[in-house]
Amino acid sequence: MEFSITLLLVLANLAVSIPAFNNSKLMNDLIFYPPAITNQKQYYRFITHGFLHADLPHLAFNMVALYSFGGAVEKIFSLECLFGSMGKLYYLLMYIAALPIATLPTYLKNKENYHYRSLGASGAVSAVVFAGILLLPQIPINFMFVPIDIPGYVFGIAYLGISAYLDRKGGGNVNHSAHFWGAAFGIAFTILLCIALAQLNVFENFIKQIQSFGRILPFEC
């Protein structure tokens, strides 16, 4: 059985989130709390908050999205014409790095906000999802309340626009900023890594995939 970074990340989220549901000390010690970072230098919170979730539906939604997209992205990263044997390591690096990068804008807005807390893997999951959309823009995405598949790039454009709008609007309990910046990081990370290390021309691939009118084409490396 092939070793799966995606499965390992899902298990890590389960191992931290589920005990924290009924353990307020564990939750408070690991949650994203900007004043604790500013005044007590608890920088680990940039990472640990991403393994916490508010409740079971929140955890389930993120883990289903991670497992659905993560397995595909992990395999693509490991293709010889992309990153080969280093693919899994780069995939893991993207996921972990997305956690602090996605929440940095939130931190800068709330350095001394003693009423602000945030948690969840959404920033890192967004990075994985959008890395997948960049490489396979025609990948079908569906929702229970929408009877047709939506091409990944169409979903991506809508998602980024809605996240930016809701972040600017403010209010609510969802950190839309982390969604937006996590997605942006996933795209930027994949582009830069492909330019530096891969045989695949990521821009040509994206255009060809878009022009395939719904078909997912094999990579031309």
C-alpha atoms as a PDB file:
ATOM      1  CA  MET A   1       0.000   0.000   0.000  1.00  0.00           C
ATOM      2  CA  GLU A   2       1.426   3.362  -1.032  1.00  0.00           C
ATOM      3  CA  PHE A   3       2.159   5.803   1.770  1.00  0.00           C
ATOM      4  CA  SER A   4      -0.339   8.690   1.685  1.00  0.00           C
ATOM      5  CA  ILE A   5       0.474  12.156   3.035  1.00  0.00           C
ATOM      6  CA  THR A   6      -3.185  13.091   2.545  1.00  0.00           C
ATOM      7  CA  LEU A   7      -4.395  10.267   4.755  1.00  0.00           C
ATOM      8  CA  LEU A   8      -1.770  11.194   7.356  1.00  0.00           C
ATOM      9  CA  LEU A   9      -3.028  14.805   7.400  1.00  0.00           C
ATOM     10  CA  VAL A  10      -6.641  13.674   7.748  1.00  0.00           C
ATOM     11  CA  LEU A  11      -5.709  11.408  10.676  1.00  0.00           C
ATOM     12  CA  ALA A  12      -3.728  14.224  12.318  1.00  0.00           C
ATOM     13  CA  ASN A  13      -6.743  16.528  12.082  1.00  0.00           C
ATOM     14  CA  LEU A  14      -8.980  13.867  13.591  1.00  0.00           C
ATOM     15  CA  ALA A  15      -6.478  13.129  16.374  1.00  0.00           C
ATOM     16  CA  VAL A  16      -6.339  16.772  17.474  1.00  0.00           C
ATOM     17  CA  SER A  17      -9.850  18.031  16.687  1.00  0.00           C
ATOM     18  CA  ILE A  18     -11.949  15.284  18.263  1.00  0.00           C
ATOM     19  CA  PRO A  19     -10.289  15.402  21.732  1.00  0.00           C
ATOM     20  CA  ALA A  20     -10.448  19.224  21.654  1.00  0.00           C
ATOM     21  CA  PHE A  21     -14.248  19.196  21.198  1.00  0.00           C
ATOM     22  CA  ASN A  22     -14.612  18.393  24.908  1.00  0.00           C
ATOM     23  CA  ASN A  23     -11.336  19.801  26.200  1.00  0.00           C
ATOM     24  CA  SER A  24     -11.453  23.577  26.537  1.00  0.00           C
ATOM     25  CA  LYS A  25      -7.838  23.789  27.764  1.00  0.00           C
ATOM     26  CA  LEU A  26      -6.536  21.967  24.701  1.00  0.00           C
ATOM     27  CA  MET A  27      -8.708  24.149  22.478  1.00  0.00           C
ATOM     28  CA  ASN A  28      -7.503  27.376  24.110  1.00  0.00           C
ATOM     29  CA  ASP A  29      -3.870  26.307  24.046  1.00  0.00           C
ATOM     30  CA  LEU A  30      -3.852  25.610  20.299  1.00  0.00           C
ATOM     31  CA  ILE A  31      -6.406  28.007  18.786  1.00  0.00           C
ATOM     32  CA  PHE A  32      -5.387  30.996  16.649  1.00  0.00           C
ATOM     33  CA  TYR A  33      -5.404  33.866  19.177  1.00  0.00           C
ATOM     34  CA  PRO A  34      -3.498  36.933  17.892  1.00  0.00           C
ATOM     35  CA  PRO A  35      -2.750  38.581  21.283  1.00  0.00           C
ATOM     36  CA  ALA A  36      -1.037  35.385  22.471  1.00  0.00           C
ATOM     37  CA  ILE A  37       1.191  35.538  19.390  1.00  0.00           C
ATOM     38  CA  THR A  38       1.870  39.261  19.782  1.00  0.00           C
ATOM     39  CA  ASN A  39       2.501  39.388  23.515  1.00  0.00           C
ATOM     40  CA  GLN A  40       3.623  35.867  24.408  1.00  0.00           C
ATOM     41  CA  LYS A  41       5.362  34.925  21.138  1.00  0.00           C
ATOM     42  CA  GLN A  42       3.290  31.749  20.771  1.00  0.00           C
ATOM     43  CA  TYR A  43       4.017  31.444  17.066  1.00  0.00           C
ATOM     44  CA  TYR A  44       3.063  27.771  17.043  1.00  0.00           C
ATOM     45  CA  ARG A  45      -0.578  28.885  16.966  1.00  0.00           C
ATOM     46  CA  PHE A  46      -0.124  29.779  13.284  1.00  0.00           C
ATOM     47  CA  ILE A  47       0.130  26.013  12.711  1.00  0.00           C
ATOM     48  CA  THR A  48      -1.832  24.343  15.503  1.00  0.00           C
ATOM     49  CA  HIS A  49      -5.093  26.205  14.854  1.00  0.00           C
ATOM     50  CA  GLY A  50      -5.292  24.375  11.528  1.00  0.00           C
ATOM     51  CA  PHE A  51      -5.726  21.033  13.269  1.00  0.00           C
ATOM     52  CA  LEU A  52      -8.677  22.250  15.356  1.00  0.00           C
ATOM     53  CA  HIS A  53     -12.316  22.453  14.270  1.00  0.00           C
ATOM     54  CA  ALA A  54     -15.405  23.972  15.844  1.00  0.00           C
ATOM     55  CA  ASP A  55     -17.576  20.865  15.618  1.00  0.00           C
ATOM     56  CA  LEU A  56     -18.032  17.587  13.769  1.00  0.00           C
ATOM     57  CA  PRO A  57     -19.695  19.067  10.631  1.00  0.00           C
ATOM     58  CA  HIS A  58     -16.864  21.623  10.330  1.00  0.00           C
ATOM     59  CA  LEU A  59     -14.283  18.847  10.643  1.00  0.00           C
ATOM     60  CA  ALA A  60     -16.118  16.543   8.243  1.00  0.00           C
ATOM     61  CA  PHE A  61     -16.486  19.217   5.547  1.00  0.00           C
ATOM     62  CA  ASN A  62     -12.799  20.102   5.578  1.00  0.00           C
ATOM     63  CA  MET A  63     -11.609  16.500   5.712  1.00  0.00           C
ATOM     64  CA  VAL A  64     -13.871  15.383   2.850  1.00  0.00           C
ATOM     65  CA  ALA A  65     -12.538  18.266   0.735  1.00  0.00           C
ATOM     66  CA  LEU A  66      -8.950  17.480   1.716  1.00  0.00           C
ATOM     67  CA  TYR A  67      -9.278  13.758   1.031  1.00  0.00           C
ATOM     68  CA  SER A  68     -11.122  14.291  -2.263  1.00  0.00           C
ATOM     69  CA  PHE A  69      -8.637  16.761  -3.727  1.00  0.00           C
ATOM     70  CA  GLY A  70      -5.525  15.951  -1.732  1.00  0.00           C
ATOM     71  CA  GLY A  71      -5.099  12.431  -3.045  1.00  0.00           C
ATOM     72  CA  ALA A  72      -5.180  13.659  -6.642  1.00  0.00           C
ATOM     73  CA  VAL A  73      -2.822  16.581  -6.016  1.00  0.00           C
ATOM     74  CA  GLU A  74      -0.395  14.356  -4.116  1.00  0.00           C
ATOM     75  CA  LYS A  75      -0.275  11.916  -7.045  1.00  0.00           C
ATOM     76  CA  ILE A  76       0.152  14.690  -9.615  1.00  0.00           C
ATOM     77  CA  PHE A  77       2.985  16.265  -7.613  1.00  0.00           C
ATOM     78  CA  SER A  78       4.694  12.860  -7.596  1.00  0.00           C
ATOM     79  CA  LEU A  79       4.645  12.442 -11.392  1.00  0.00           C
ATOM     80  CA  GLU A  80       8.118  12.232 -12.920  1.00  0.00           C
ATOM     81  CA  CYS A  81       7.492  15.265 -15.126  1.00  0.00           C
ATOM     82  CA  LEU A  82       6.594  17.336 -12.080  1.00  0.00           C
ATOM     83  CA  PHE A  83       8.488  16.645  -8.864  1.00  0.00           C
ATOM     84  CA  GLY A  84       8.970  12.870  -8.846  1.00  0.00           C
ATOM     85  CA  SER A  85      10.184  11.381  -5.575  1.00  0.00           C
ATOM     86  CA  MET A  86      10.118  14.828  -3.934  1.00  0.00           C
ATOM     87  CA  GLY A  87       6.465  15.363  -4.816  1.00  0.00           C
ATOM     88  CA  LYS A  88       5.056  14.151  -1.515  1.00  0.00           C
ATOM     89  CA  LEU A  89       7.460  16.336   0.449  1.00  0.00           C
ATOM     90  CA  TYR A  90       6.541  19.427  -1.588  1.00  0.00           C
ATOM     91  CA  TYR A  91       2.857  18.618  -1.174  1.00  0.00           C
ATOM     92  CA  LEU A  92       3.262  18.407   2.606  1.00  0.00           C
ATOM     93  CA  LEU A  93       5.298  21.629   2.606  1.00  0.00           C
ATOM     94  CA  MET A  94       2.544  23.421   0.687  1.00  0.00           C
ATOM     95  CA  TYR A  95      -0.108  22.269   3.168  1.00  0.00           C
ATOM     96  CA  ILE A  96       1.847  23.238   6.297  1.00  0.00           C
ATOM     97  CA  ALA A  97       3.105  26.555   4.882  1.00  0.00           C
ATOM     98  CA  ALA A  98      -0.429  27.514   3.850  1.00  0.00           C
ATOM     99  CA  LEU A  99      -1.568  27.566   7.481  1.00  0.00           C
ATOM    100  CA  PRO A 100       0.496  30.586   8.639  1.00  0.00           C
ATOM    101  CA  ILE A 101       0.445  32.327   5.253  1.00  0.00           C
ATOM    102  CA  ALA A 102      -3.366  32.147   4.986  1.00  0.00           C
ATOM    103  CA  THR A 103      -3.807  33.591   8.482  1.00  0.00           C
ATOM    104  CA  LEU A 104      -1.079  36.254   8.359  1.00  0.00           C
ATOM    105  CA  PRO A 105      -3.427  38.979   6.991  1.00  0.00           C
ATOM    106  CA  THR A 106      -5.908  38.098   9.745  1.00  0.00           C
ATOM    107  CA  TYR A 107      -3.157  38.364  12.339  1.00  0.00           C
ATOM    108  CA  LEU A 108      -2.056  41.775  11.086  1.00  0.00           C
ATOM    109  CA  LYS A 109      -5.642  43.048  11.462  1.00  0.00           C
ATOM    110  CA  ASN A 110      -6.147  41.572  14.926  1.00  0.00           C
ATOM    111  CA  LYS A 111      -2.789  41.719  16.713  1.00  0.00           C
ATOM    112  CA  GLU A 112      -4.318  43.152  19.872  1.00  0.00           C
ATOM    113  CA  ASN A 113      -7.909  42.012  19.418  1.00  0.00           C
ATOM    114  CA  TYR A 114      -8.662  40.073  22.605  1.00  0.00           C
ATOM    115  CA  HIS A 115     -12.060  39.041  21.266  1.00  0.00           C
ATOM    116  CA  TYR A 116     -10.767  37.335  18.135  1.00  0.00           C
ATOM    117  CA  ARG A 117     -10.162  33.606  17.754  1.00  0.00           C
ATOM    118  CA  SER A 118     -10.000  31.391  14.696  1.00  0.00           C
ATOM    119  CA  LEU A 119      -9.557  27.711  13.935  1.00  0.00           C
ATOM    120  CA  GLY A 120      -9.825  25.207  11.127  1.00  0.00           C
ATOM    121  CA  ALA A 121      -7.868  23.710   8.234  1.00  0.00           C
ATOM    122  CA  SER A 122      -9.681  25.772   5.593  1.00  0.00           C
ATOM    123  CA  GLY A 123      -6.654  27.860   4.587  1.00  0.00           C
ATOM    124  CA  ALA A 124      -4.507  24.788   3.934  1.00  0.00           C
ATOM    125  CA  VAL A 125      -7.376  22.873   2.317  1.00  0.00           C
ATOM    126  CA  SER A 126      -7.988  25.829   0.005  1.00  0.00           C
ATOM    127  CA  ALA A 127      -4.321  25.711  -1.025  1.00  0.00           C
ATOM    128  CA  VAL A 128      -4.652  22.026  -1.929  1.00  0.00           C
ATOM    129  CA  VAL A 129      -7.938  22.518  -3.785  1.00  0.00           C
ATOM    130  CA  PHE A 130      -6.606  25.409  -5.867  1.00  0.00           C
ATOM    131  CA  ALA A 131      -3.345  23.631  -6.653  1.00  0.00           C
ATOM    132  CA  GLY A 132      -5.561  20.897  -8.085  1.00  0.00           C
ATOM    133  CA  ILE A 133      -7.686  23.370 -10.032  1.00  0.00           C
ATOM    134  CA  LEU A 134      -4.566  25.013 -11.479  1.00  0.00           C
ATOM    135  CA  LEU A 135      -3.214  21.694 -12.739  1.00  0.00           C
ATOM    136  CA  LEU A 136      -6.582  20.207 -13.750  1.00  0.00           C
ATOM    137  CA  PRO A 137      -8.905  23.190 -14.329  1.00  0.00           C
ATOM    138  CA  GLN A 138     -11.629  21.012 -15.865  1.00  0.00           C
ATOM    139  CA  ILE A 139     -11.885  18.813 -12.776  1.00  0.00           C
ATOM    140  CA  PRO A 140     -15.623  18.513 -12.010  1.00  0.00           C
ATOM    141  CA  ILE A 141     -16.930  19.926  -8.751  1.00  0.00           C
ATOM    142  CA  ASN A 142     -20.464  19.206  -7.620  1.00  0.00           C
ATOM    143  CA  PHE A 143     -22.723  20.135  -4.746  1.00  0.00           C
ATOM    144  CA  MET A 144     -25.768  18.288  -3.485  1.00  0.00           C
ATOM    145  CA  PHE A 145     -28.034  21.260  -4.252  1.00  0.00           C
ATOM    146  CA  VAL A 146     -26.665  21.768  -7.788  1.00  0.00           C
ATOM    147  CA  PRO A 147     -27.654  18.982 -10.238  1.00  0.00           C
ATOM    148  CA  ILE A 148     -24.710  19.510 -12.627  1.00  0.00           C
ATOM    149  CA  ASP A 149     -20.925  19.375 -12.371  1.00  0.00           C
ATOM    150  CA  ILE A 150     -19.133  22.731 -12.286  1.00  0.00           C
ATOM    151  CA  PRO A 151     -15.719  22.950 -13.986  1.00  0.00           C
ATOM    152  CA  GLY A 152     -13.022  23.554 -11.402  1.00  0.00           C
ATOM    153  CA  TYR A 153     -11.821  26.842 -12.899  1.00  0.00           C
ATOM    154  CA  VAL A 154     -15.383  28.252 -12.898  1.00  0.00           C
ATOM    155  CA  PHE A 155     -15.790  27.263  -9.258  1.00  0.00           C
ATOM    156  CA  GLY A 156     -12.369  28.761  -8.502  1.00  0.00           C
ATOM    157  CA  ILE A 157     -13.173  32.160  -9.985  1.00  0.00           C
ATOM    158  CA  ALA A 158     -16.489  32.296  -8.120  1.00  0.00           C
ATOM    159  CA  TYR A 159     -14.916  31.100  -4.866  1.00  0.00           C
ATOM    160  CA  LEU A 160     -12.164  33.709  -4.903  1.00  0.00           C
ATOM    161  CA  GLY A 161     -14.583  36.496  -5.781  1.00  0.00           C
ATOM    162  CA  ILE A 162     -17.094  35.539  -3.087  1.00  0.00           C
ATOM    163  CA  SER A 163     -14.365  35.068  -0.458  1.00  0.00           C
ATOM    164  CA  ALA A 164     -12.873  38.491  -1.221  1.00  0.00           C
ATOM    165  CA  TYR A 165     -16.302  40.133  -1.091  1.00  0.00           C
ATOM    166  CA  LEU A 166     -17.328  38.471   2.191  1.00  0.00           C
ATOM    167  CA  ASP A 167     -13.974  39.275   3.775  1.00  0.00           C
ATOM    168  CA  ARG A 168     -14.361  42.950   2.877  1.00  0.00           C
ATOM    169  CA  LYS A 169     -17.960  42.938   4.080  1.00  0.00           C
ATOM    170  CA  GLY A 170     -16.967  41.449   7.450  1.00  0.00           C
ATOM    171  CA  GLY A 171     -19.184  39.919  10.091  1.00  0.00           C
ATOM    172  CA  GLY A 172     -20.048  36.271  10.617  1.00  0.00           C
ATOM    173  CA  ASN A 173     -17.945  33.493  12.103  1.00  0.00           C
ATOM    174  CA  VAL A 174     -16.077  32.375   8.969  1.00  0.00           C
ATOM    175  CA  ASN A 175     -12.539  33.572   8.236  1.00  0.00           C
ATOM    176  CA  HIS A 176     -13.004  34.304   4.524  1.00  0.00           C
ATOM    177  CA  SER A 177      -9.594  35.976   4.409  1.00  0.00           C
ATOM    178  CA  ALA A 178      -7.894  32.648   5.210  1.00  0.00           C
ATOM    179  CA  HIS A 179      -9.886  30.954   2.439  1.00  0.00           C
ATOM    180  CA  PHE A 180      -8.821  33.564  -0.104  1.00  0.00           C
ATOM    181  CA  TRP A 181      -5.149  33.736   0.852  1.00  0.00           C
ATOM    182  CA  GLY A 182      -4.865  29.977   1.262  1.00  0.00           C
ATOM    183  CA  ALA A 183      -6.191  29.529  -2.278  1.00  0.00           C
ATOM    184  CA  ALA A 184      -3.879  32.244  -3.624  1.00  0.00           C
ATOM    185  CA  PHE A 185      -0.902  30.620  -1.921  1.00  0.00           C
ATOM    186  CA  GLY A 186      -1.728  27.198  -3.363  1.00  0.00           C
ATOM    187  CA  ILE A 187      -1.752  28.701  -6.863  1.00  0.00           C
ATOM    188  CA  ALA A 188       1.451  30.721  -6.364  1.00  0.00           C
ATOM    189  CA  PHE A 189       3.324  27.843  -4.708  1.00  0.00           C
ATOM    190  CA  THR A 190       2.469  25.440  -7.527  1.00  0.00           C
ATOM    191  CA  ILE A 191       3.369  27.924 -10.277  1.00  0.00           C
ATOM    192  CA  LEU A 192       6.729  28.822  -8.744  1.00  0.00           C
ATOM    193  CA  LEU A 193       7.617  25.204  -8.024  1.00  0.00           C
ATOM    194  CA  CYS A 194       6.710  24.158 -11.567  1.00  0.00           C
ATOM    195  CA  ILE A 195       8.803  26.966 -13.061  1.00  0.00           C
ATOM    196  CA  ALA A 196      11.785  26.059 -10.881  1.00  0.00           C
ATOM    197  CA  LEU A 197      11.688  22.267 -10.897  1.00  0.00           C
ATOM    198  CA  ALA A 198       9.126  20.685 -13.230  1.00  0.00           C
ATOM    199  CA  GLN A 199       9.253  19.732 -16.880  1.00  0.00           C
ATOM    200  CA  LEU A 200       5.594  20.747 -17.176  1.00  0.00           C
ATOM    201  CA  ASN A 201       4.799  24.229 -18.503  1.00  0.00           C
ATOM    202  CA  VAL A 202       2.035  25.025 -16.046  1.00  0.00           C
ATOM    203  CA  PHE A 203       0.658  27.949 -18.076  1.00  0.00           C
ATOM    204  CA  GLU A 204       0.466  26.037 -21.360  1.00  0.00           C
ATOM    205  CA  ASN A 205      -1.107  23.098 -19.564  1.00  0.00           C
ATOM    206  CA  PHE A 206      -3.762  25.334 -17.981  1.00  0.00           C
ATOM    207  CA  ILE A 207      -4.716  26.879 -21.339  1.00  0.00           C
ATOM    208  CA  LYS A 208      -4.862  23.516 -23.118  1.00  0.00           C
ATOM    209  CA  GLN A 209      -6.974  22.039 -20.330  1.00  0.00           C
ATOM    210  CA  ILE A 210      -9.387  24.984 -20.476  1.00  0.00           C
ATOM    211  CA  GLN A 211      -9.709  24.618 -24.254  1.00  0.00           C
ATOM    212  CA  SER A 212     -10.553  20.913 -23.993  1.00  0.00           C
ATOM    213  CA  PHE A 213     -14.251  21.717 -23.417  1.00  0.00           C
ATOM    214  CA  GLY A 214     -14.800  19.489 -20.402  1.00  0.00           C
ATOM    215  CA  ARG A 215     -12.202  16.779 -21.077  1.00  0.00           C
ATOM    216  CA  ILE A 216      -9.261  16.267 -18.733  1.00  0.00           C
ATOM    217  CA  LEU A 217      -6.163  15.946 -20.917  1.00  0.00           C
ATOM    218  CA  PRO A 218      -2.990  14.015 -20.005  1.00  0.00           C
ATOM    219  CA  PHE A 219      -0.021  16.151 -19.058  1.00  0.00           C
ATOM    220  CA  GLU A 220       2.425  16.919 -21.881  1.00  0.00           C
ATOM    221  CA  CYS A 221       5.888  17.088 -20.368  1.00  0.00           C
END
